C-alpha atoms as a PDB file:
ATOM      1  CA  MET A   1     -21.617 149.637  34.533  1.00  0.00           C
ATOM      2  CA  PHE A   2     -20.113 147.207  31.975  1.00  0.00           C
ATOM      3  CA  TYR A   3     -20.500 143.288  32.516  1.00  0.00           C
ATOM      4  CA  LYS A   4     -18.852 140.250  31.087  1.00  0.00           C
ATOM      5  CA  GLU A   5     -21.457 137.779  29.887  1.00  0.00           C
ATOM      6  CA  LEU A   6     -20.711 134.132  29.674  1.00  0.00           C
ATOM      7  CA  GLU A   7     -23.249 131.725  28.284  1.00  0.00           C
ATOM      8  CA  VAL A   8     -24.226 128.092  29.229  1.00  0.00           C
ATOM      9  CA  ALA A   9     -25.739 126.559  25.986  1.00  0.00           C
ATOM     10  CA  PRO A  10     -29.366 125.061  26.001  1.00  0.00           C
ATOM     11  CA  ASN A  11     -29.408 121.279  27.096  1.00  0.00           C
ATOM     12  CA  SER A  12     -25.954 121.792  28.635  1.00  0.00           C
ATOM     13  CA  VAL A  13     -24.473 122.133  32.040  1.00  0.00           C
ATOM     14  CA  GLY A  14     -21.672 124.628  32.889  1.00  0.00           C
ATOM     15  CA  LEU A  15     -18.693 124.524  35.159  1.00  0.00           C
ATOM     16  CA  LEU A  16     -17.522 127.860  36.463  1.00  0.00           C
ATOM     17  CA  PHE A  17     -13.950 128.369  37.163  1.00  0.00           C
ATOM     18  CA  LYS A  18     -12.395 131.448  38.767  1.00  0.00           C
ATOM     19  CA  LYS A  19      -8.655 131.656  38.528  1.00  0.00           C
ATOM     20  CA  ASN A  20      -8.700 128.146  37.108  1.00  0.00           C
ATOM     21  CA  VAL A  21     -10.224 126.910  40.355  1.00  0.00           C
ATOM     22  CA  PHE A  22     -13.693 125.206  40.231  1.00  0.00           C
ATOM     23  CA  GLN A  23     -16.514 127.272  41.905  1.00  0.00           C
ATOM     24  CA  GLN A  24     -19.866 125.716  40.963  1.00  0.00           C
ATOM     25  CA  GLU A  25     -22.052 123.988  38.391  1.00  0.00           C
ATOM     26  CA  LEU A  26     -24.390 126.123  36.411  1.00  0.00           C
ATOM     27  CA  SER A  27     -27.457 125.362  34.398  1.00  0.00           C
ATOM     28  CA  ALA A  28     -28.228 126.610  30.900  1.00  0.00           C
ATOM     29  CA  GLY A  29     -28.396 130.589  30.723  1.00  0.00           C
ATOM     30  CA  ILE A  30     -26.378 133.855  30.423  1.00  0.00           C
ATOM     31  CA  TYR A  31     -24.364 134.896  33.468  1.00  0.00           C
ATOM     32  CA  LYS A  32     -22.847 138.296  34.021  1.00  0.00           C
ATOM     33  CA  PHE A  33     -19.433 138.929  35.722  1.00  0.00           C
ATOM     34  CA  SER A  34     -17.281 141.915  36.408  1.00  0.00           C
ATOM     35  CA  PRO A  35     -14.916 142.407  33.547  1.00  0.00           C
ATOM     36  CA  TRP A  36     -11.994 142.293  35.953  1.00  0.00           C
ATOM     37  CA  GLU A  37     -12.974 138.722  37.371  1.00  0.00           C
ATOM     38  CA  LYS A  38     -10.676 135.953  35.943  1.00  0.00           C
ATOM     39  CA  VAL A  39     -13.697 133.557  35.117  1.00  0.00           C
ATOM     40  CA  HIS A  40     -14.559 131.097  32.468  1.00  0.00           C
ATOM     41  CA  ILE A  41     -17.131 128.646  31.945  1.00  0.00           C
ATOM     42  CA  ILE A  42     -16.935 125.198  30.436  1.00  0.00           C
ATOM     43  CA  SER A  43     -20.153 124.111  28.783  1.00  0.00           C
ATOM     44  CA  LEU A  44     -20.862 120.550  28.372  1.00  0.00           C
ATOM     45  CA  SER A  45     -23.701 119.037  26.282  1.00  0.00           C
ATOM     46  CA  GLN A  46     -26.335 116.737  28.147  1.00  0.00           C
ATOM     47  CA  LYS A  47     -27.715 115.475  24.865  1.00  0.00           C
ATOM     48  CA  LEU A  48     -28.182 111.612  24.380  1.00  0.00           C
ATOM     49  CA  ARG A  49     -25.101 110.155  22.730  1.00  0.00           C
ATOM     50  CA  SER A  50     -25.017 106.798  21.089  1.00  0.00           C
ATOM     51  CA  ILE A  51     -22.273 104.159  19.837  1.00  0.00           C
ATOM     52  CA  ARG A  52     -22.618 101.414  17.544  1.00  0.00           C
ATOM     53  CA  VAL A  53     -19.888  98.840  17.458  1.00  0.00           C
ATOM     54  CA  VAL A  54     -19.901  95.990  14.935  1.00  0.00           C
ATOM     55  CA  ASN A  55     -17.988  92.764  14.026  1.00  0.00           C
ATOM     56  CA  GLN A  56     -16.492  92.013  17.330  1.00  0.00           C
ATOM     57  CA  GLU A  57     -14.709  88.544  17.434  1.00  0.00           C
ATOM     58  CA  VAL A  58     -15.431  86.065  20.492  1.00  0.00           C
ATOM     59  CA  LEU A  59     -15.110  82.344  21.179  1.00  0.00           C
ATOM     60  CA  THR A  60     -17.895  80.387  22.618  1.00  0.00           C
ATOM     61  CA  ALA A  61     -17.409  77.652  25.389  1.00  0.00           C
ATOM     62  CA  ASP A  62     -16.894  75.044  22.653  1.00  0.00           C
ATOM     63  CA  ASN A  63     -14.448  77.186  20.803  1.00  0.00           C
ATOM     64  CA  ILE A  64     -16.618  78.287  17.900  1.00  0.00           C
ATOM     65  CA  ALA A  65     -15.471  81.785  16.691  1.00  0.00           C
ATOM     66  CA  LEU A  66     -18.411  84.235  15.882  1.00  0.00           C
ATOM     67  CA  ARG A  67     -18.900  87.917  15.573  1.00  0.00           C
ATOM     68  CA  PHE A  68     -21.227  90.185  17.557  1.00  0.00           C
ATOM     69  CA  SER A  69     -22.562  93.811  17.223  1.00  0.00           C
ATOM     70  CA  PHE A  70     -23.831  96.007  20.058  1.00  0.00           C
ATOM     71  CA  TYR A  71     -25.446  99.528  20.493  1.00  0.00           C
ATOM     72  CA  LEU A  72     -24.785 101.938  23.617  1.00  0.00           C
ATOM     73  CA  ALA A  73     -26.730 105.069  24.336  1.00  0.00           C
ATOM     74  CA  TYR A  74     -25.446 107.231  27.196  1.00  0.00           C
ATOM     75  CA  LYS A  75     -25.312 110.820  28.392  1.00  0.00           C
ATOM     76  CA  LEU A  76     -23.439 113.229  30.806  1.00  0.00           C
ATOM     77  CA  ASP A  77     -24.428 112.582  34.293  1.00  0.00           C
ATOM     78  CA  ASN A  78     -21.861 114.215  36.475  1.00  0.00           C
ATOM     79  CA  ALA A  79     -20.136 117.086  34.781  1.00  0.00           C
ATOM     80  CA  LYS A  80     -17.288 117.721  37.249  1.00  0.00           C
ATOM     81  CA  LEU A  81     -16.407 114.154  37.527  1.00  0.00           C
ATOM     82  CA  PHE A  82     -16.331 113.878  33.707  1.00  0.00           C
ATOM     83  CA  VAL A  83     -13.991 116.770  33.388  1.00  0.00           C
ATOM     84  CA  ASP A  84     -11.735 115.371  36.235  1.00  0.00           C
ATOM     85  CA  ASN A  85     -11.469 112.087  34.207  1.00  0.00           C
ATOM     86  CA  PHE A  86     -11.109 113.459  30.705  1.00  0.00           C
ATOM     87  CA  GLY A  87     -10.344 117.190  30.783  1.00  0.00           C
ATOM     88  CA  VAL A  88     -11.762 119.858  28.721  1.00  0.00           C
ATOM     89  CA  GLU A  89     -10.302 119.165  25.427  1.00  0.00           C
ATOM     90  CA  ALA A  90     -12.531 118.830  22.310  1.00  0.00           C
ATOM     91  CA  ASP A  91     -12.129 115.168  21.995  1.00  0.00           C
ATOM     92  CA  ASN A  92     -12.974 114.306  25.730  1.00  0.00           C
ATOM     93  CA  PHE A  93     -16.242 112.575  24.720  1.00  0.00           C
ATOM     94  CA  ALA A  94     -14.378 110.489  22.105  1.00  0.00           C
ATOM     95  CA  VAL A  95     -11.858 109.362  24.611  1.00  0.00           C
ATOM     96  CA  ALA A  96     -14.575 108.495  27.151  1.00  0.00           C
ATOM     97  CA  GLU A  97     -16.572 106.443  24.323  1.00  0.00           C
ATOM     98  CA  GLN A  98     -13.304 104.256  23.979  1.00  0.00           C
ATOM     99  CA  GLN A  99     -13.465 103.382  27.657  1.00  0.00           C
ATOM    100  CA  ILE A 100     -17.250 102.496  27.603  1.00  0.00           C
ATOM    101  CA  VAL A 101     -16.883 100.493  24.498  1.00  0.00           C
ATOM    102  CA  ALA A 102     -13.851  98.629  26.133  1.00  0.00           C
ATOM    103  CA  ALA A 103     -15.909  97.903  29.064  1.00  0.00           C
ATOM    104  CA  ALA A 104     -18.898  96.646  27.144  1.00  0.00           C
ATOM    105  CA  GLN A 105     -16.629  94.359  25.020  1.00  0.00           C
ATOM    106  CA  VAL A 106     -15.259  92.715  28.041  1.00  0.00           C
ATOM    107  CA  LEU A 107     -18.625  92.297  29.609  1.00  0.00           C
ATOM    108  CA  LEU A 108     -20.253  90.722  26.479  1.00  0.00           C
ATOM    109  CA  ARG A 109     -17.115  88.479  25.685  1.00  0.00           C
ATOM    110  CA  GLN A 110     -17.408  87.021  29.336  1.00  0.00           C
ATOM    111  CA  LYS A 111     -21.064  86.354  28.904  1.00  0.00           C
ATOM    112  CA  ILE A 112     -20.871  84.732  25.456  1.00  0.00           C
ATOM    113  CA  ALA A 113     -17.782  82.670  26.355  1.00  0.00           C
ATOM    114  CA  THR A 114     -20.064  80.933  28.969  1.00  0.00           C
ATOM    115  CA  PHE A 115     -22.249  79.406  26.327  1.00  0.00           C
ATOM    116  CA  THR A 116     -21.603  76.629  23.804  1.00  0.00           C
ATOM    117  CA  SER A 117     -22.653  77.739  20.288  1.00  0.00           C
ATOM    118  CA  GLU A 118     -25.887  75.734  20.295  1.00  0.00           C
ATOM    119  CA  LYS A 119     -26.953  77.026  23.754  1.00  0.00           C
ATOM    120  CA  LEU A 120     -26.140  80.552  22.732  1.00  0.00           C
ATOM    121  CA  ASN A 121     -28.267  80.163  19.656  1.00  0.00           C
ATOM    122  CA  GLU A 122     -31.317  79.216  21.662  1.00  0.00           C
ATOM    123  CA  CYS A 123     -30.594  81.700  24.491  1.00  0.00           C
ATOM    124  CA  ARG A 124     -29.441  84.950  22.603  1.00  0.00           C
ATOM    125  CA  GLU A 125     -32.515  86.768  23.711  1.00  0.00           C
ATOM    126  CA  ASP A 126     -31.597  86.289  27.427  1.00  0.00           C
ATOM    127  CA  ILE A 127     -28.300  88.428  26.828  1.00  0.00           C
ATOM    128  CA  THR A 128     -29.700  90.967  24.347  1.00  0.00           C
ATOM    129  CA  ASP A 129     -30.106  93.596  27.139  1.00  0.00           C
ATOM    130  CA  PHE A 130     -26.796  94.021  28.973  1.00  0.00           C
ATOM    131  CA  LYS A 131     -27.618  97.173  30.941  1.00  0.00           C
ATOM    132  CA  GLU A 132     -26.358  95.423  34.157  1.00  0.00           C
ATOM    133  CA  GLU A 133     -25.770  97.159  37.498  1.00  0.00           C
ATOM    134  CA  ASP A 134     -21.898  96.437  37.516  1.00  0.00           C
ATOM    135  CA  PHE A 135     -21.603  97.908  34.059  1.00  0.00           C
ATOM    136  CA  CYS A 136     -23.618 100.994  34.760  1.00  0.00           C
ATOM    137  CA  ASN A 137     -21.683 101.631  37.966  1.00  0.00           C
ATOM    138  CA  GLU A 138     -18.229 101.359  36.233  1.00  0.00           C
ATOM    139  CA  VAL A 139     -19.478 103.885  33.509  1.00  0.00           C
ATOM    140  CA  ALA A 140     -20.953 106.089  36.263  1.00  0.00           C
ATOM    141  CA  THR A 141     -17.261 106.411  37.784  1.00  0.00           C
ATOM    142  CA  LEU A 142     -16.532 108.380  34.560  1.00  0.00           C
ATOM    143  CA  GLY A 143     -19.324 110.827  35.008  1.00  0.00           C
ATOM    144  CA  LEU A 144     -21.608 109.183  32.450  1.00  0.00           C
ATOM    145  CA  LYS A 145     -24.988 107.410  32.615  1.00  0.00           C
ATOM    146  CA  ILE A 146     -25.891 104.308  30.418  1.00  0.00           C
ATOM    147  CA  ILE A 147     -29.482 104.673  28.987  1.00  0.00           C
ATOM    148  CA  LYS A 148     -29.350 101.630  26.804  1.00  0.00           C
ATOM    149  CA  ALA A 149     -26.944  98.835  26.213  1.00  0.00           C
ATOM    150  CA  GLN A 150     -28.153  96.188  23.689  1.00  0.00           C
ATOM    151  CA  LEU A 151     -26.758  93.322  21.802  1.00  0.00           C
ATOM    152  CA  ILE A 152     -27.651  93.832  18.137  1.00  0.00           C
ATOM    153  CA  ASP A 153     -26.877  90.524  16.506  1.00  0.00           C
ATOM    154  CA  ILE A 154     -24.629  87.333  16.711  1.00  0.00           C
ATOM    155  CA  THR A 155     -23.212  86.022  13.331  1.00  0.00           C
ATOM    156  CA  PHE A 156     -22.155  82.291  13.438  1.00  0.00           C
ATOM    157  CA  PRO A 157     -20.021  80.748  10.730  1.00  0.00           C
ATOM    158  CA  LYS A 158     -21.681  79.500   7.667  1.00  0.00           C
ATOM    159  CA  SER A 159     -20.945  75.965   8.623  1.00  0.00           C
ATOM    160  CA  VAL A 160     -22.546  76.311  11.919  1.00  0.00           C
ATOM    161  CA  GLN A 161     -25.625  78.135  10.508  1.00  0.00           C
ATOM    162  CA  ASP A 162     -26.151  75.119   8.098  1.00  0.00           C
ATOM    163  CA  LEU A 163     -25.711  72.789  11.086  1.00  0.00           C
ATOM    164  CA  PHE A 164     -28.466  74.745  13.125  1.00  0.00           C
ATOM    165  CA  SER A 165     -30.912  74.523  10.113  1.00  0.00           C
ATOM    166  CA  ARG A 166     -30.489  70.889   9.682  1.00  0.00           C
ATOM    167  CA  VAL A 167     -31.000  70.396  13.579  1.00  0.00           C
ATOM    168  CA  LEU A 168     -34.181  72.549  13.328  1.00  0.00           C
ATOM    169  CA  GLU A 169     -35.353  70.553  10.294  1.00  0.00           C
ATOM    170  CA  SER A 170     -34.970  67.344  12.208  1.00  0.00           C
ATOM    171  CA  LYS A 171     -36.803  68.695  15.288  1.00  0.00           C
ATOM    172  CA  ILE A 172     -39.617  69.775  13.076  1.00  0.00           C
ATOM    173  CA  ARG A 173     -39.844  66.345  11.406  1.00  0.00           C
ATOM    174  CA  ALA A 174     -39.648  64.676  14.609  1.00  0.00           C
ATOM    175  CA  THR A 175     -42.440  66.620  16.031  1.00  0.00           C
ATOM    176  CA  SER A 176     -44.455  65.981  12.892  1.00  0.00           C
ATOM    177  CA  GLU A 177     -43.953  62.195  13.211  1.00  0.00           C
ATOM    178  CA  LEU A 178     -44.752  62.270  16.753  1.00  0.00           C
ATOM    179  CA  GLU A 179     -48.121  63.863  16.262  1.00  0.00           C
ATOM    180  CA  ASN A 180     -48.969  61.442  13.481  1.00  0.00           C
ATOM    181  CA  ALA A 181     -48.011  58.620  15.723  1.00  0.00           C
ATOM    182  CA  ARG A 182     -50.330  60.085  18.478  1.00  0.00           C
ATOM    183  CA  THR A 183     -53.186  60.509  16.010  1.00  0.00           C
ATOM    184  CA  ALA A 184     -52.700  56.799  14.789  1.00  0.00           C
ATOM    185  CA  VAL A 185     -52.713  55.452  18.352  1.00  0.00           C
ATOM    186  CA  ALA A 186     -55.789  57.552  19.359  1.00  0.00           C
ATOM    187  CA  THR A 187     -57.681  56.247  16.193  1.00  0.00           C
ATOM    188  CA  ALA A 188     -56.713  52.741  16.907  1.00  0.00           C
ATOM    189  CA  ARG A 189     -57.826  52.998  20.495  1.00  0.00           C
ATOM    190  CA  ALA A 190     -61.257  54.592  19.345  1.00  0.00           C
ATOM    191  CA  LEU A 191     -61.780  51.744  16.969  1.00  0.00           C
ATOM    192  CA  LYS A 192     -60.966  49.180  19.699  1.00  0.00           C
ATOM    193  CA  ASN A 193     -63.155  50.785  22.052  1.00  0.00           C
ATOM    194  CA  ALA A 194     -65.990  50.873  19.357  1.00  0.00           C
ATOM    195  CA  SER A 195     -65.530  47.268  18.764  1.00  0.00           C
ATOM    196  CA  GLU A 196     -65.778  46.314  22.419  1.00  0.00           C
ATOM    197  CA  LEU A 197     -68.893  48.195  22.745  1.00  0.00           C
ATOM    198  CA  MET A 198     -70.347  46.323  19.784  1.00  0.00           C
ATOM    199  CA  LYS A 199     -69.620  42.759  20.874  1.00  0.00           C
ATOM    200  CA  GLY A 200     -72.874  41.168  22.098  1.00  0.00           C
ATOM    201  CA  ASP A 201     -74.994  44.008  20.993  1.00  0.00           C
ATOM    202  CA  GLU A 202     -78.298  42.440  19.864  1.00  0.00           C
ATOM    203  CA  ASN A 203     -79.081  45.491  17.592  1.00  0.00           C
ATOM    204  CA  ILE A 204     -75.706  44.957  15.736  1.00  0.00           C
ATOM    205  CA  LYS A 205     -76.483  41.279  15.380  1.00  0.00           C
ATOM    206  CA  PHE A 206     -79.810  41.871  13.948  1.00  0.00           C
ATOM    207  CA  PHE A 207     -78.403  44.312  11.340  1.00  0.00           C
ATOM    208  CA  GLN A 208     -75.499  41.933  10.433  1.00  0.00           C
ATOM    209  CA  TYR A 209     -78.461  39.236  10.034  1.00  0.00           C
ATOM    210  CA  LEU A 210     -80.387  41.657   7.717  1.00  0.00           C
ATOM    211  CA  GLU A 211     -77.257  42.380   5.635  1.00  0.00           C
ATOM    212  CA  THR A 212     -76.479  38.578   5.226  1.00  0.00           C
ATOM    213  CA  ILE A 213     -79.876  37.897   4.019  1.00  0.00           C
ATOM    214  CA  THR A 214     -79.545  40.822   1.629  1.00  0.00           C
ATOM    215  CA  LYS A 215     -76.489  39.538   0.059  1.00  0.00           C
ATOM    216  CA  ILE A 216     -77.899  36.015  -0.384  1.00  0.00           C
ATOM    217  CA  ALA A 217     -80.948  37.497  -1.999  1.00  0.00           C
ATOM    218  CA  ASP A 218     -78.841  39.512  -4.426  1.00  0.00           C
ATOM    219  CA  LYS A 219     -77.393  36.246  -5.670  1.00  0.00           C
ATOM    220  CA  GLY A 220     -80.766  34.774  -6.546  1.00  0.00           C
ATOM    221  CA  LYS A 221     -80.846  32.163  -3.941  1.00  0.00           C
ATOM    222  CA  HIS A 222     -84.199  32.405  -2.439  1.00  0.00           C
ATOM    223  CA  THR A 223     -84.358  29.233  -0.489  1.00  0.00           C
ATOM    224  CA  PHE A 224     -82.047  29.038   2.524  1.00  0.00           C
ATOM    225  CA  VAL A 225     -82.140  27.735   6.053  1.00  0.00           C
ATOM    226  CA  ILE A 226     -81.510  30.164   8.997  1.00  0.00           C
ATOM    227  CA  GLY A 227     -81.361  29.328  12.531  1.00  0.00           C
ATOM    228  CA  GLU A 228     -82.548  31.484  15.422  1.00  0.00           C
ATOM    229  CA  VAL A 229     -83.359  34.953  14.334  1.00  0.00           C
ATOM    230  CA  PRO A 230     -81.865  37.751  16.274  1.00  0.00           C
ATOM    231  CA  THR A 231     -84.220  40.346  17.431  1.00  0.00           C
ATOM    232  CA  ALA A 232     -83.366  44.131  17.645  1.00  0.00           C
ATOM    233  CA  LYS A 233     -83.848  45.813  21.110  1.00  0.00           C
ATOM    234  CA  ILE A 234     -85.974  48.950  20.730  1.00  0.00           C
END
């Protein structure tokens, strides 16, 4: 008996239709049907797909215009739902990508617009990963699954970049001056403490006495009158 063979490619999922009515989902493999059956299989790839979108414009909370780029990785999750949304045409994934990109743009613009330019520069790492539940759920309604959603870069105007550089230099200089001031204060405090400790110390007085005698002797004056001689405590 002769059979009609239909194939679902590796790393793909197949949708079996009989007389243009959906019957079931099929995994990769070769399937045999009666040559008289009016059946066909739509094979959809489950491979990982990626999108890179660059130079998207947005305004910050303080009305600074900047550009951002982002990356998305996704794959087919629900073949039947995907076909219901985008049909079986060859460009169905391209059409789906347009909707994913639009949703990602809206999300990122909303997030970035809540920051001032200075705050955004400080907190950009906090919004790098935007694989958020609401976004993933929105994409899931298309029959797709978000694997990765990442902000690649944020580009500020040259004038703003120069301003950030000057602010950073000022902060570094202020930090350095503060450390120097702290060191000077610590040194002065240590000297003061040492001075307080030496006051009234008989050993110190004795050594000062010896130093005075040595200086007088160096001048050749060998006759001099001294008072009470301090004694060193041993």
